[in-house]
Amino acid sequence: MTTQGYNVAVVGATGAVGEKMLETLEKKNFPINELHLLSSKRSAGKEITFKGTAYTVKEATPESFENIQIALFSAGGSVSKALAHEAVKRGAVVVDNTSAFRMDPEVPLVVPEVNEEDIAKHNGIIANPNCSTIQMVAALKPIQEQFGLSRVIVSTYQAVSGAGTKAVNELQEQSKAFLDGEELEPEILPVSGEKKHYPIAFNALPQIDVFQENGYTFEEMKMINETKKIMHDSSIKVAATCVRLPFFTSHAESVYVEVNNDNVTVEQIQEAIKNAAGVVLEDDTENQVYPTPLSAAGKPDVFVGRVRKDLDNSKGFHLWVVSDNLLKGAAWNSVQIAESLIKNNWLQK
C-alpha cells in the first residue's frame, strides 16, 4: 500500500459499465496510485482519458494483475471466471460485476446500504449483484428491518443499455427505421446468442437472458436468488417477471411486498424509505411526483414512489422503484464496495 493511493485495475474499461466505473472513480476522487485499464484483445490499444491523462487499454492477462490491489471487473462472466482467481492469486481484491460468482457461497454478494458487513467475509472476490436486484433490495431493506418481509413480487421495465452498447445502437436504428416506415431488422434482442430476435423499438420483450427449465429467465432467477442471499432470508417468497422496454437508461420496477407486521400504514413505509441510505422518496401523487427512468438517469440513488396499500391484503404494499442501471446498478455500487474495503480495512485478509 502506498501513501498516494491504491493500484487499481478496471477490466472491461471500454464497455458501457467500464466507462461508468471510470467516471465514478473520477467523480468520487478515489485514491488511485496506479490505474491499469484492461480489456479483451479486440479492444486493446484504445486510448481513454482519466483525470486529464491518456491511458492505453491493454489486453487482460493473468500477469496484468501483478501489484494490483483492487480490480474492478465488468467484462463478462467468462472473463471473470478466467481471470478473477488469477488476480486474487497475485494479491488483488476483485469486485466482480458479472454473474460468475454471485451465488457462490464463499463469495459475498453486496449492496453496501443493505449488507456492507458481508464484505468482511471475502476471500479475495466480492460480487456486485444484478442491476435490477440492487435497486430493489435497497428499497426493501428499510421495510424488512422495520416491518419484516415475507413476499416480493416484481415486474421490471428494463432499459436496453442493460444489454450493452449493441442493443442501444439497435434501438436507435430501429426507432429511426420504424418512423421512416422501413422494415425492422432485429439482430441483438432479446438475447444476442438466441436463435430468434425481435424488434425492441416501440415494443416490449418479456425475455431478458435465456429461459430456464422452470419457465423463468436467467434474469428472473437472478433476482429471486440474489434477493434471498443479500437479505439473509431464504424464507422470503420472491417471484419476478423481467421485461425489456425501448428506452436507453434506468430500470423501473413495480414491486409488491407483504410485511409481517399488522396495521402498518403507507406513511410508515414512506418514512422508513425516506430515512434509508442511498434511497430517495419521490412520492406525492397530488402533485404527480414520482420517479421515471429519465429523471433517475445520471444519478447514483434509488428512487421510490407510488407507495400504496394493497386493497385486498392488509399486509400488502405496492412500490415503484427506479434507478440508473449503469450507475447504482453497476459502476457506482462496485466503487462503493471498493471504498468500503478501504474504509473498514477489509482490503487485507
Foldseek 3Di string as FASTA:
>chain_A
DDPQAFEEEEEQCVWPLNVVLLVLCQVVVHRHDHYAYEYAPVQFQDWDDHPRDIDGYYHDDLVSLARHAEYEYDHEQVCCVHHQVSNVVNHYQYEYAYPNCLPPPQEAEDQCLQCLVCLLSHPRYHYDAFLVLNQVLLLCRLVCVPFNFAEKEKEKADAQCSQTDVSLVLLVVQQVCVVVVHDRDFQCPPHNPDPDHDRQHVDKAQAHADADPVRAHPVQVSNLVNSCRRNVHNNRHYGYTYMYHRDHWKMKMKMKIFTDDAPDALVNSQVSQCPGPQEHEQEDVVVPTFDDRVVQPPPQGKYKYPWDADPPDRRMIIIMIMHTCSHNVGSVSSVVSVVSCVVVVSSHD
